[in-house]
Amino acid sequence: MYWTERGIDTNITGNRLRQAIRPADLAAVAETRRLLRDRLRLWGAPALVDPAALLATELLTNALQHTCGGAVLTATLTPGPVSRLRVEVQDSLARRPRPRPREADGEHGTSGRGLLLVEALADAWGASAREPGKVVWFELDARTA
């Protein structure tokens, strides 16, 4: 894989964005978020910008904080009558994520709410095995955004 100076490898083809991030490079999350926002505007889906950027940030941050490897974000906008945005984040840890119970950190907790946000805001989400680890994904309906 080719890495740029900032530790990011980007590939954009049509309505598909692929961004690879080096291990533990949390600073690259902001760059990835900016790129996703820009792509969604160019793809004619401005209503998806905020929810997609928020949820992608949560999944990327989880992947980089909880694994020893990097992460790969893939965003695909499927046009047509069933227009959907699917964002996947692949990492190197096989264990599937589970949202924390809402009361786990109490009212003053500062972390652990990422998957709760994904669960609340995404039209669909899930996780599946993909070598060498897993992929966590969410979908947003582009027709109702």
N, C-alpha and C. Protein backbone atom coordinates (compact mmCIF):
# COMPACT_ATOMS: atom_id res chain seq x y z
N MET A 1 0.83 -1.17 0.00
CA MET A 1 0.00 0.00 0.00
C MET A 1 0.88 1.23 0.00
N TYR A 2 0.47 2.24 -0.73
CA TYR A 2 1.20 3.50 -0.80
C TYR A 2 0.67 4.46 0.25
N TRP A 3 1.56 5.03 1.04
CA TRP A 3 1.16 5.99 2.06
C TRP A 3 1.69 7.36 1.68
N THR A 4 0.89 8.38 1.82
CA THR A 4 1.34 9.74 1.60
C THR A 4 2.11 10.20 2.83
N GLU A 5 2.63 11.40 2.79
CA GLU A 5 3.36 11.95 3.93
C GLU A 5 2.51 11.94 5.19
N ARG A 6 1.23 12.16 5.04
CA ARG A 6 0.34 12.25 6.20
C ARG A 6 -0.15 10.89 6.66
N GLY A 7 0.28 9.82 6.01
CA GLY A 7 -0.14 8.49 6.44
C GLY A 7 -1.49 8.09 5.91
N ILE A 8 -1.88 8.68 4.79
CA ILE A 8 -3.19 8.40 4.21
C ILE A 8 -3.01 7.96 2.77
N ASP A 9 -3.74 6.92 2.37
CA ASP A 9 -3.76 6.47 0.99
C ASP A 9 -5.20 6.63 0.51
N THR A 10 -5.41 7.41 -0.54
CA THR A 10 -6.76 7.71 -1.01
C THR A 10 -6.96 7.22 -2.43
N ASN A 11 -8.16 6.66 -2.68
CA ASN A 11 -8.54 6.23 -4.02
C ASN A 11 -10.00 6.62 -4.22
N ILE A 12 -10.27 7.44 -5.24
CA ILE A 12 -11.63 7.87 -5.53
C ILE A 12 -11.97 7.44 -6.95
N THR A 13 -13.06 6.67 -7.09
CA THR A 13 -13.51 6.20 -8.39
C THR A 13 -15.02 6.38 -8.45
N GLY A 14 -15.50 7.24 -9.34
CA GLY A 14 -16.94 7.43 -9.48
C GLY A 14 -17.57 7.83 -8.15
N ASN A 15 -18.53 7.04 -7.71
CA ASN A 15 -19.22 7.30 -6.45
C ASN A 15 -18.66 6.45 -5.31
N ARG A 16 -17.36 6.23 -5.35
CA ARG A 16 -16.71 5.41 -4.32
C ARG A 16 -15.43 6.10 -3.85
N LEU A 17 -15.30 6.20 -2.54
CA LEU A 17 -14.12 6.77 -1.90
C LEU A 17 -13.51 5.70 -1.02
N ARG A 18 -12.20 5.52 -1.14
CA ARG A 18 -11.49 4.57 -0.28
C ARG A 18 -10.31 5.30 0.34
N GLN A 19 -10.22 5.24 1.66
CA GLN A 19 -9.17 5.94 2.39
C GLN A 19 -8.55 4.98 3.40
N ALA A 20 -7.26 4.75 3.28
CA ALA A 20 -6.53 3.90 4.23
C ALA A 20 -5.74 4.79 5.18
N ILE A 21 -5.78 4.44 6.46
CA ILE A 21 -5.13 5.25 7.49
C ILE A 21 -4.17 4.38 8.27
N ARG A 22 -2.99 4.90 8.52
CA ARG A 22 -1.97 4.17 9.29
C ARG A 22 -2.43 3.89 10.71
N PRO A 23 -1.82 2.89 11.34
CA PRO A 23 -2.16 2.58 12.73
C PRO A 23 -1.97 3.79 13.65
N ALA A 24 -2.93 3.97 14.54
CA ALA A 24 -2.89 4.99 15.59
C ALA A 24 -2.80 6.42 15.09
N ASP A 25 -3.09 6.67 13.82
CA ASP A 25 -3.00 8.02 13.26
C ASP A 25 -4.34 8.75 13.43
N LEU A 26 -4.65 9.09 14.67
CA LEU A 26 -5.93 9.75 14.95
C LEU A 26 -6.04 11.11 14.27
N ALA A 27 -4.91 11.77 14.00
CA ALA A 27 -4.95 13.05 13.31
C ALA A 27 -5.49 12.91 11.89
N ALA A 28 -5.33 11.75 11.29
CA ALA A 28 -5.81 11.53 9.92
C ALA A 28 -7.33 11.41 9.86
N VAL A 29 -7.97 11.22 11.00
CA VAL A 29 -9.44 11.10 11.01
C VAL A 29 -10.07 12.40 10.52
N ALA A 30 -9.55 13.54 10.94
CA ALA A 30 -10.10 14.83 10.50
C ALA A 30 -9.96 15.00 8.99
N GLU A 31 -8.83 14.60 8.44
CA GLU A 31 -8.63 14.69 6.98
C GLU A 31 -9.60 13.78 6.25
N THR A 32 -9.82 12.60 6.76
CA THR A 32 -10.76 11.66 6.15
C THR A 32 -12.18 12.22 6.21
N ARG A 33 -12.53 12.79 7.35
CA ARG A 33 -13.85 13.40 7.51
C ARG A 33 -14.05 14.53 6.50
N ARG A 34 -13.04 15.38 6.32
CA ARG A 34 -13.12 16.48 5.35
C ARG A 34 -13.30 15.94 3.94
N LEU A 35 -12.53 14.92 3.59
CA LEU A 35 -12.62 14.33 2.26
C LEU A 35 -14.01 13.72 2.02
N LEU A 36 -14.55 13.03 3.01
CA LEU A 36 -15.89 12.45 2.88
C LEU A 36 -16.93 13.55 2.69
N ARG A 37 -16.84 14.62 3.46
CA ARG A 37 -17.78 15.74 3.31
C ARG A 37 -17.70 16.32 1.89
N ASP A 38 -16.49 16.56 1.41
CA ASP A 38 -16.30 17.11 0.06
C ASP A 38 -16.89 16.19 -1.00
N ARG A 39 -16.63 14.89 -0.87
CA ARG A 39 -17.15 13.91 -1.84
C ARG A 39 -18.67 13.90 -1.86
N LEU A 40 -19.28 13.90 -0.69
CA LEU A 40 -20.74 13.86 -0.63
C LEU A 40 -21.35 15.10 -1.30
N ARG A 41 -20.73 16.24 -1.12
CA ARG A 41 -21.21 17.45 -1.80
C ARG A 41 -21.06 17.30 -3.32
N LEU A 42 -19.91 16.80 -3.77
CA LEU A 42 -19.69 16.60 -5.21
C LEU A 42 -20.64 15.56 -5.79
N TRP A 43 -20.99 14.57 -4.99
CA TRP A 43 -21.90 13.52 -5.45
C TRP A 43 -23.36 13.97 -5.41
N GLY A 44 -23.61 15.21 -4.98
CA GLY A 44 -24.97 15.72 -4.94
C GLY A 44 -25.78 15.23 -3.76
N ALA A 45 -25.13 14.94 -2.65
CA ALA A 45 -25.82 14.44 -1.45
C ALA A 45 -25.48 15.31 -0.23
N PRO A 46 -25.72 16.63 -0.31
CA PRO A 46 -25.33 17.50 0.79
C PRO A 46 -26.05 17.20 2.10
N ALA A 47 -27.25 16.64 2.04
CA ALA A 47 -27.99 16.34 3.28
C ALA A 47 -27.34 15.21 4.07
N LEU A 48 -26.49 14.42 3.43
CA LEU A 48 -25.82 13.32 4.12
C LEU A 48 -24.51 13.74 4.78
N VAL A 49 -24.04 14.94 4.47
CA VAL A 49 -22.72 15.37 4.92
C VAL A 49 -22.55 15.25 6.44
N ASP A 50 -23.42 15.87 7.20
CA ASP A 50 -23.25 15.88 8.66
C ASP A 50 -23.42 14.51 9.30
N PRO A 51 -24.52 13.79 9.03
CA PRO A 51 -24.63 12.48 9.68
C PRO A 51 -23.55 11.50 9.25
N ALA A 52 -23.19 11.50 7.97
CA ALA A 52 -22.16 10.57 7.49
C ALA A 52 -20.81 10.90 8.11
N ALA A 53 -20.46 12.17 8.18
CA ALA A 53 -19.18 12.57 8.76
C ALA A 53 -19.11 12.20 10.24
N LEU A 54 -20.19 12.43 10.97
CA LEU A 54 -20.22 12.09 12.39
C LEU A 54 -20.05 10.58 12.60
N LEU A 55 -20.83 9.79 11.88
CA LEU A 55 -20.78 8.34 12.08
C LEU A 55 -19.47 7.74 11.59
N ALA A 56 -18.96 8.24 10.47
CA ALA A 56 -17.66 7.75 9.97
C ALA A 56 -16.55 8.07 10.96
N THR A 57 -16.60 9.25 11.56
CA THR A 57 -15.61 9.63 12.57
C THR A 57 -15.65 8.67 13.75
N GLU A 58 -16.84 8.32 14.19
CA GLU A 58 -16.97 7.40 15.32
C GLU A 58 -16.38 6.03 14.99
N LEU A 59 -16.71 5.50 13.81
CA LEU A 59 -16.19 4.17 13.44
C LEU A 59 -14.68 4.19 13.24
N LEU A 60 -14.17 5.22 12.59
CA LEU A 60 -12.72 5.31 12.38
C LEU A 60 -11.97 5.44 13.71
N THR A 61 -12.46 6.30 14.57
CA THR A 61 -11.81 6.49 15.87
C THR A 61 -11.81 5.19 16.66
N ASN A 62 -12.93 4.48 16.66
CA ASN A 62 -12.98 3.18 17.35
C ASN A 62 -11.93 2.24 16.78
N ALA A 63 -11.86 2.15 15.46
CA ALA A 63 -10.92 1.23 14.83
C ALA A 63 -9.48 1.57 15.19
N LEU A 64 -9.14 2.84 15.19
CA LEU A 64 -7.76 3.24 15.47
C LEU A 64 -7.41 3.15 16.96
N GLN A 65 -8.40 3.35 17.82
CA GLN A 65 -8.13 3.28 19.26
C GLN A 65 -8.09 1.86 19.80
N HIS A 66 -8.84 0.96 19.19
CA HIS A 66 -9.00 -0.38 19.77
C HIS A 66 -8.26 -1.47 19.01
N THR A 67 -7.47 -1.11 18.01
CA THR A 67 -6.71 -2.12 17.28
C THR A 67 -5.26 -1.67 17.15
N CYS A 68 -4.41 -2.60 16.78
CA CYS A 68 -2.99 -2.29 16.57
C CYS A 68 -2.70 -1.94 15.12
N GLY A 69 -3.64 -2.22 14.24
CA GLY A 69 -3.44 -1.94 12.82
C GLY A 69 -4.09 -0.64 12.42
N GLY A 70 -4.01 -0.33 11.17
CA GLY A 70 -4.67 0.85 10.64
C GLY A 70 -6.13 0.56 10.36
N ALA A 71 -6.73 1.42 9.56
CA ALA A 71 -8.13 1.25 9.19
C ALA A 71 -8.31 1.67 7.74
N VAL A 72 -9.31 1.10 7.10
CA VAL A 72 -9.66 1.47 5.73
C VAL A 72 -11.13 1.86 5.71
N LEU A 73 -11.41 3.10 5.32
CA LEU A 73 -12.78 3.56 5.16
C LEU A 73 -13.14 3.48 3.69
N THR A 74 -14.30 2.92 3.40
CA THR A 74 -14.83 2.90 2.05
C THR A 74 -16.23 3.47 2.10
N ALA A 75 -16.49 4.49 1.30
CA ALA A 75 -17.82 5.10 1.21
C ALA A 75 -18.30 4.94 -0.22
N THR A 76 -19.52 4.42 -0.38
CA THR A 76 -20.09 4.20 -1.70
C THR A 76 -21.50 4.76 -1.73
N LEU A 77 -21.76 5.65 -2.69
CA LEU A 77 -23.10 6.18 -2.89
C LEU A 77 -23.71 5.44 -4.06
N THR A 78 -24.81 4.74 -3.80
CA THR A 78 -25.50 4.00 -4.85
C THR A 78 -26.65 4.88 -5.34
N PRO A 79 -26.58 5.36 -6.58
CA PRO A 79 -27.64 6.22 -7.10
C PRO A 79 -28.84 5.40 -7.54
N GLY A 80 -29.91 6.08 -7.88
CA GLY A 80 -31.09 5.41 -8.41
C GLY A 80 -32.25 5.46 -7.45
N PRO A 81 -33.28 4.65 -7.74
CA PRO A 81 -34.49 4.69 -6.93
C PRO A 81 -34.28 4.28 -5.47
N VAL A 82 -33.28 3.46 -5.22
CA VAL A 82 -32.95 3.05 -3.84
C VAL A 82 -31.58 3.64 -3.50
N SER A 83 -31.49 4.95 -3.54
CA SER A 83 -30.21 5.63 -3.33
C SER A 83 -29.79 5.53 -1.87
N ARG A 84 -28.60 4.95 -1.65
CA ARG A 84 -28.08 4.75 -0.30
C ARG A 84 -26.59 5.08 -0.25
N LEU A 85 -26.18 5.55 0.90
CA LEU A 85 -24.76 5.72 1.18
C LEU A 85 -24.37 4.60 2.13
N ARG A 86 -23.34 3.86 1.77
CA ARG A 86 -22.81 2.82 2.66
C ARG A 86 -21.37 3.21 2.99
N VAL A 87 -21.07 3.27 4.27
CA VAL A 87 -19.72 3.56 4.74
C VAL A 87 -19.25 2.35 5.53
N GLU A 88 -18.08 1.83 5.16
CA GLU A 88 -17.48 0.68 5.84
C GLU A 88 -16.14 1.09 6.42
N VAL A 89 -15.83 0.59 7.60
CA VAL A 89 -14.51 0.78 8.18
C VAL A 89 -13.97 -0.60 8.52
N GLN A 90 -12.88 -0.95 7.86
CA GLN A 90 -12.24 -2.25 8.08
C GLN A 90 -11.04 -2.06 9.00
N ASP A 91 -10.89 -3.00 9.95
CA ASP A 91 -9.72 -2.96 10.83
C ASP A 91 -9.18 -4.37 11.01
N SER A 92 -8.18 -4.52 11.86
CA SER A 92 -7.47 -5.79 11.99
C SER A 92 -7.90 -6.63 13.20
N LEU A 93 -8.90 -6.19 13.94
CA LEU A 93 -9.36 -6.92 15.12
C LEU A 93 -10.62 -7.71 14.77
N ALA A 94 -10.59 -9.02 15.00
CA ALA A 94 -11.71 -9.87 14.62
C ALA A 94 -12.93 -9.69 15.52
N ARG A 95 -12.73 -9.28 16.76
CA ARG A 95 -13.86 -9.14 17.70
C ARG A 95 -14.83 -8.08 17.19
N ARG A 96 -16.10 -8.46 17.15
CA ARG A 96 -17.13 -7.53 16.68
C ARG A 96 -17.51 -6.55 17.79
N PRO A 97 -17.82 -5.33 17.40
CA PRO A 97 -18.16 -4.32 18.41
C PRO A 97 -19.58 -4.51 18.93
N ARG A 98 -19.78 -4.04 20.16
CA ARG A 98 -21.12 -4.03 20.75
C ARG A 98 -21.31 -2.67 21.41
N PRO A 99 -22.46 -2.07 21.19
CA PRO A 99 -22.72 -0.80 21.88
C PRO A 99 -22.70 -1.02 23.39
N ARG A 100 -22.12 -0.07 24.11
CA ARG A 100 -22.13 -0.13 25.58
C ARG A 100 -23.54 0.14 26.07
N PRO A 101 -23.89 -0.45 27.20
CA PRO A 101 -25.18 -0.09 27.79
C PRO A 101 -25.19 1.41 28.09
N ARG A 102 -26.31 2.04 27.93
CA ARG A 102 -26.41 3.49 28.11
C ARG A 102 -25.92 3.96 29.48
N GLU A 103 -26.10 3.16 30.49
CA GLU A 103 -25.73 3.58 31.84
C GLU A 103 -24.31 3.17 32.23
N ALA A 104 -23.53 2.60 31.34
CA ALA A 104 -22.20 2.08 31.68
C ALA A 104 -21.27 3.15 32.27
N ASP A 105 -21.25 4.34 31.69
CA ASP A 105 -20.38 5.41 32.18
C ASP A 105 -21.14 6.44 32.99
N GLY A 106 -22.41 6.25 33.13
CA GLY A 106 -23.20 7.24 33.84
C GLY A 106 -23.33 8.51 33.03
N GLU A 107 -23.85 9.50 33.66
CA GLU A 107 -24.12 10.77 33.03
C GLU A 107 -22.86 11.52 32.61
N HIS A 108 -21.76 11.28 33.32
CA HIS A 108 -20.56 12.08 33.11
C HIS A 108 -19.47 11.36 32.32
N GLY A 109 -19.79 10.23 31.72
CA GLY A 109 -18.81 9.50 30.93
C GLY A 109 -18.38 10.32 29.72
N THR A 110 -17.15 10.13 29.30
CA THR A 110 -16.63 10.91 28.17
C THR A 110 -16.37 10.07 26.93
N SER A 111 -16.63 8.78 26.99
CA SER A 111 -16.41 7.94 25.81
C SER A 111 -17.40 6.79 25.83
N GLY A 112 -17.38 6.02 24.75
CA GLY A 112 -18.21 4.84 24.69
C GLY A 112 -19.58 5.04 24.09
N ARG A 113 -19.80 6.17 23.45
CA ARG A 113 -21.12 6.45 22.88
C ARG A 113 -21.15 6.35 21.36
N GLY A 114 -20.04 6.03 20.75
CA GLY A 114 -19.97 6.01 19.29
C GLY A 114 -20.95 5.07 18.64
N LEU A 115 -20.99 3.82 19.10
CA LEU A 115 -21.91 2.87 18.49
C LEU A 115 -23.36 3.18 18.83
N LEU A 116 -23.60 3.80 19.97
CA LEU A 116 -24.96 4.24 20.29
C LEU A 116 -25.42 5.30 19.29
N LEU A 117 -24.51 6.19 18.90
CA LEU A 117 -24.83 7.18 17.86
C LEU A 117 -25.11 6.50 16.53
N VAL A 118 -24.27 5.55 16.17
CA VAL A 118 -24.46 4.83 14.91
C VAL A 118 -25.82 4.14 14.93
N GLU A 119 -26.11 3.48 16.02
CA GLU A 119 -27.39 2.77 16.16
C GLU A 119 -28.58 3.73 16.04
N ALA A 120 -28.45 4.92 16.60
CA ALA A 120 -29.55 5.88 16.61
C ALA A 120 -29.73 6.61 15.28
N LEU A 121 -28.63 6.92 14.58
CA LEU A 121 -28.72 7.77 13.40
C LEU A 121 -28.71 7.03 12.06
N ALA A 122 -28.13 5.86 12.02
CA ALA A 122 -28.03 5.13 10.74
C ALA A 122 -29.35 4.42 10.44
N ASP A 123 -29.64 4.29 9.15
CA ASP A 123 -30.82 3.51 8.74
C ASP A 123 -30.57 2.02 8.93
N ALA A 124 -29.31 1.63 8.83
CA ALA A 124 -28.91 0.24 9.07
C ALA A 124 -27.44 0.26 9.45
N TRP A 125 -27.01 -0.72 10.23
CA TRP A 125 -25.58 -0.85 10.55
C TRP A 125 -25.31 -2.28 10.98
N GLY A 126 -24.03 -2.64 10.94
CA GLY A 126 -23.67 -3.98 11.35
C GLY A 126 -22.17 -4.18 11.28
N ALA A 127 -21.77 -5.43 11.50
CA ALA A 127 -20.35 -5.80 11.45
C ALA A 127 -20.26 -7.22 10.94
N SER A 128 -19.20 -7.50 10.20
CA SER A 128 -18.98 -8.86 9.71
C SER A 128 -17.48 -9.12 9.61
N ALA A 129 -17.15 -10.39 9.60
CA ALA A 129 -15.74 -10.78 9.49
C ALA A 129 -15.22 -10.46 8.09
N ARG A 130 -14.02 -9.95 8.04
CA ARG A 130 -13.31 -9.72 6.78
C ARG A 130 -11.83 -9.74 7.11
N GLU A 131 -11.11 -10.65 6.49
CA GLU A 131 -9.68 -10.80 6.77
C GLU A 131 -8.96 -9.48 6.59
N PRO A 132 -8.08 -9.12 7.49
CA PRO A 132 -7.58 -9.88 8.63
C PRO A 132 -8.37 -9.64 9.91
N GLY A 133 -9.48 -8.95 9.84
CA GLY A 133 -10.24 -8.62 11.05
C GLY A 133 -11.73 -8.59 10.79
N LYS A 134 -12.26 -7.37 10.76
CA LYS A 134 -13.70 -7.20 10.55
C LYS A 134 -13.96 -5.91 9.80
N VAL A 135 -15.20 -5.75 9.39
CA VAL A 135 -15.67 -4.50 8.83
C VAL A 135 -16.93 -4.10 9.59
N VAL A 136 -16.97 -2.84 10.01
CA VAL A 136 -18.16 -2.27 10.64
C VAL A 136 -18.71 -1.26 9.65
N TRP A 137 -20.02 -1.29 9.42
CA TRP A 137 -20.60 -0.46 8.37
C TRP A 137 -21.89 0.20 8.85
N PHE A 138 -22.26 1.26 8.14
CA PHE A 138 -23.59 1.86 8.33
C PHE A 138 -24.10 2.30 6.97
N GLU A 139 -25.41 2.44 6.88
CA GLU A 139 -26.05 2.93 5.67
C GLU A 139 -26.99 4.07 6.02
N LEU A 140 -27.04 5.05 5.12
CA LEU A 140 -27.97 6.16 5.22
C LEU A 140 -28.78 6.21 3.93
N ASP A 141 -30.07 6.42 4.06
CA ASP A 141 -30.95 6.53 2.90
C ASP A 141 -30.76 7.91 2.29
N ALA A 142 -30.27 7.97 1.07
CA ALA A 142 -30.00 9.25 0.42
C ALA A 142 -31.29 9.91 -0.07
N ARG A 143 -32.36 9.17 -0.17
CA ARG A 143 -33.63 9.74 -0.65
C ARG A 143 -34.32 10.56 0.41
N THR A 144 -34.14 10.22 1.67
CA THR A 144 -34.85 10.92 2.74
C THR A 144 -33.97 11.89 3.51
N ALA A 145 -32.71 11.94 3.15
CA ALA A 145 -31.78 12.81 3.89
C ALA A 145 -32.03 14.27 3.57
